[in-house]
Amino acid sequence: MDITESFECSHFTQLPENLLKKFYVKDITTPRTTAFTFKDDGFFRTLKRKVKPIWEKNSGSAPTVQMKFIIDSLMTGFFIFMFSAARFNNYYFALIA
């Protein structure tokens, strides 16, 4: 199972990649099933390098109060509609949830 795309999209710093180097076993023997490549001079890594300073400048180390409110509201709405769907046997509530 190859999770290269998920790994590359989830980590903006080199820290996780440097950590993985300790556990390197060997190169893969089967060809990749996707056309995406993650070479240092390729599109995705170049994009990450250009986005990283902007992302670091505009993001803090913790979620903002506004973001916490949005997440809490979404979660509350999910539970309200989920329980309403179960209580009233209503598929529309389940669809919204």
C-alpha atoms as a PDB file:
ATOM      1  CA  MET A   1       0.000   0.000   0.000  1.00  0.00           C
ATOM      2  CA  ASP A   2       1.532   3.279  -1.140  1.00  0.00           C
ATOM      3  CA  ILE A   3       0.647   6.430   0.789  1.00  0.00           C
ATOM      4  CA  THR A   4       3.191   8.727  -0.829  1.00  0.00           C
ATOM      5  CA  GLU A   5       0.569  11.237  -2.011  1.00  0.00           C
ATOM      6  CA  SER A   6      -1.012  11.486   1.443  1.00  0.00           C
ATOM      7  CA  PHE A   7       2.378  11.825   3.103  1.00  0.00           C
ATOM      8  CA  GLU A   8       3.573  14.536   0.730  1.00  0.00           C
ATOM      9  CA  CYS A   9       0.346  16.546   1.039  1.00  0.00           C
ATOM     10  CA  SER A  10       0.242  16.325   4.832  1.00  0.00           C
ATOM     11  CA  HIS A  11       3.767  17.433   5.702  1.00  0.00           C
ATOM     12  CA  PHE A  12       5.191  20.839   4.810  1.00  0.00           C
ATOM     13  CA  THR A  13       8.433  20.477   6.750  1.00  0.00           C
ATOM     14  CA  GLN A  14      11.380  18.158   6.207  1.00  0.00           C
ATOM     15  CA  LEU A  15      11.164  16.770   9.746  1.00  0.00           C
ATOM     16  CA  PRO A  16       8.916  13.749   8.947  1.00  0.00           C
ATOM     17  CA  GLU A  17      10.935  12.918   5.845  1.00  0.00           C
ATOM     18  CA  ASN A  18      14.192  13.067   7.800  1.00  0.00           C
ATOM     19  CA  LEU A  19      12.666  10.823  10.448  1.00  0.00           C
ATOM     20  CA  LEU A  20      11.644   8.264   7.821  1.00  0.00           C
ATOM     21  CA  LYS A  21      15.220   8.040   6.520  1.00  0.00           C
ATOM     22  CA  LYS A  22      16.116   6.179   9.715  1.00  0.00           C
ATOM     23  CA  PHE A  23      13.704   3.401   8.725  1.00  0.00           C
ATOM     24  CA  TYR A  24      14.659   3.092   5.046  1.00  0.00           C
ATOM     25  CA  VAL A  25      14.731  -0.539   3.911  1.00  0.00           C
ATOM     26  CA  LYS A  26      14.986  -0.568   0.105  1.00  0.00           C
ATOM     27  CA  ASP A  27      13.597   0.952  -3.077  1.00  0.00           C
ATOM     28  CA  ILE A  28      10.350  -0.439  -4.411  1.00  0.00           C
ATOM     29  CA  THR A  29      10.561  -3.200  -7.004  1.00  0.00           C
ATOM     30  CA  THR A  30       7.106  -2.789  -8.540  1.00  0.00           C
ATOM     31  CA  PRO A  31       6.190   0.253 -10.617  1.00  0.00           C
ATOM     32  CA  ARG A  32       4.027   2.945  -9.042  1.00  0.00           C
ATOM     33  CA  THR A  33       0.375   2.846 -10.054  1.00  0.00           C
ATOM     34  CA  THR A  34       0.095   6.621 -10.327  1.00  0.00           C
ATOM     35  CA  ALA A  35       1.633   9.129 -12.685  1.00  0.00           C
ATOM     36  CA  PHE A  36       2.502  11.558  -9.877  1.00  0.00           C
ATOM     37  CA  THR A  37       6.157  12.034  -9.051  1.00  0.00           C
ATOM     38  CA  PHE A  38       7.647  13.811  -6.073  1.00  0.00           C
ATOM     39  CA  LYS A  39      11.141  14.648  -7.280  1.00  0.00           C
ATOM     40  CA  ASP A  40      12.876  17.658  -5.721  1.00  0.00           C
ATOM     41  CA  ASP A  41      12.779  19.602  -8.997  1.00  0.00           C
ATOM     42  CA  GLY A  42       9.261  18.441  -9.869  1.00  0.00           C
ATOM     43  CA  PHE A  43       6.019  20.388  -9.762  1.00  0.00           C
ATOM     44  CA  PHE A  44       4.734  19.341  -6.345  1.00  0.00           C
ATOM     45  CA  ARG A  45       7.933  19.865  -4.347  1.00  0.00           C
ATOM     46  CA  THR A  46       8.508  23.212  -6.098  1.00  0.00           C
ATOM     47  CA  LEU A  47       4.970  24.256  -5.213  1.00  0.00           C
ATOM     48  CA  LYS A  48       5.502  23.198  -1.585  1.00  0.00           C
ATOM     49  CA  ARG A  49       8.713  25.242  -1.377  1.00  0.00           C
ATOM     50  CA  LYS A  50       6.938  28.335  -2.710  1.00  0.00           C
ATOM     51  CA  VAL A  51       3.870  27.901  -0.499  1.00  0.00           C
ATOM     52  CA  LYS A  52       5.747  27.120   2.726  1.00  0.00           C
ATOM     53  CA  PRO A  53       6.890  30.696   3.555  1.00  0.00           C
ATOM     54  CA  ILE A  54       3.412  32.077   2.861  1.00  0.00           C
ATOM     55  CA  TRP A  55       1.803  29.339   4.939  1.00  0.00           C
ATOM     56  CA  GLU A  56       4.203  29.884   7.842  1.00  0.00           C
ATOM     57  CA  LYS A  57       3.664  33.653   7.734  1.00  0.00           C
ATOM     58  CA  ASN A  58      -0.141  33.418   7.724  1.00  0.00           C
ATOM     59  CA  SER A  59      -0.694  30.532  10.111  1.00  0.00           C
ATOM     60  CA  GLY A  60      -0.101  30.380  13.821  1.00  0.00           C
ATOM     61  CA  SER A  61       0.887  27.462  15.947  1.00  0.00           C
ATOM     62  CA  ALA A  62      -2.665  26.792  17.142  1.00  0.00           C
ATOM     63  CA  PRO A  63      -6.182  27.032  15.732  1.00  0.00           C
ATOM     64  CA  THR A  64      -7.801  30.444  16.008  1.00  0.00           C
ATOM     65  CA  VAL A  65     -10.952  31.090  18.040  1.00  0.00           C
ATOM     66  CA  GLN A  66     -12.861  31.517  14.792  1.00  0.00           C
ATOM     67  CA  MET A  67     -11.686  28.131  13.508  1.00  0.00           C
ATOM     68  CA  LYS A  68     -12.592  26.435  16.792  1.00  0.00           C
ATOM     69  CA  PHE A  69     -16.068  27.994  16.602  1.00  0.00           C
ATOM     70  CA  ILE A  70     -16.570  26.741  13.046  1.00  0.00           C
ATOM     71  CA  ILE A  71     -15.437  23.221  13.933  1.00  0.00           C
ATOM     72  CA  ASP A  72     -17.603  23.136  17.060  1.00  0.00           C
ATOM     73  CA  SER A  73     -20.612  24.396  15.088  1.00  0.00           C
ATOM     74  CA  LEU A  74     -20.154  21.754  12.403  1.00  0.00           C
ATOM     75  CA  MET A  75     -19.828  19.008  15.000  1.00  0.00           C
ATOM     76  CA  THR A  76     -22.884  20.223  16.925  1.00  0.00           C
ATOM     77  CA  GLY A  77     -24.916  20.378  13.722  1.00  0.00           C
ATOM     78  CA  PHE A  78     -23.808  16.873  12.809  1.00  0.00           C
ATOM     79  CA  PHE A  79     -24.961  15.441  16.139  1.00  0.00           C
ATOM     80  CA  ILE A  80     -28.265  17.340  16.096  1.00  0.00           C
ATOM     81  CA  PHE A  81     -29.135  16.105  12.611  1.00  0.00           C
ATOM     82  CA  MET A  82     -27.853  12.587  13.317  1.00  0.00           C
ATOM     83  CA  PHE A  83     -30.006  12.213  16.434  1.00  0.00           C
ATOM     84  CA  SER A  84     -32.966  13.855  14.681  1.00  0.00           C
ATOM     85  CA  ALA A  85     -32.646  11.380  11.825  1.00  0.00           C
ATOM     86  CA  ALA A  86     -32.667   8.473  14.266  1.00  0.00           C
ATOM     87  CA  ARG A  87     -35.469   9.893  16.429  1.00  0.00           C
ATOM     88  CA  PHE A  88     -37.840  10.834  13.598  1.00  0.00           C
ATOM     89  CA  ASN A  89     -36.686   8.156  11.134  1.00  0.00           C
ATOM     90  CA  ASN A  90     -36.110  10.902   8.597  1.00  0.00           C
ATOM     91  CA  TYR A  91     -33.705  10.332   5.725  1.00  0.00           C
ATOM     92  CA  TYR A  92     -33.440  14.055   4.982  1.00  0.00           C
ATOM     93  CA  PHE A  93     -31.937  14.688   8.406  1.00  0.00           C
ATOM     94  CA  ALA A  94     -29.531  11.802   7.818  1.00  0.00           C
ATOM     95  CA  LEU A  95     -28.580  13.260   4.451  1.00  0.00           C
ATOM     96  CA  ILE A  96     -27.865  16.665   5.999  1.00  0.00           C
ATOM     97  CA  ALA A  97     -25.865  15.091   8.828  1.00  0.00           C
END
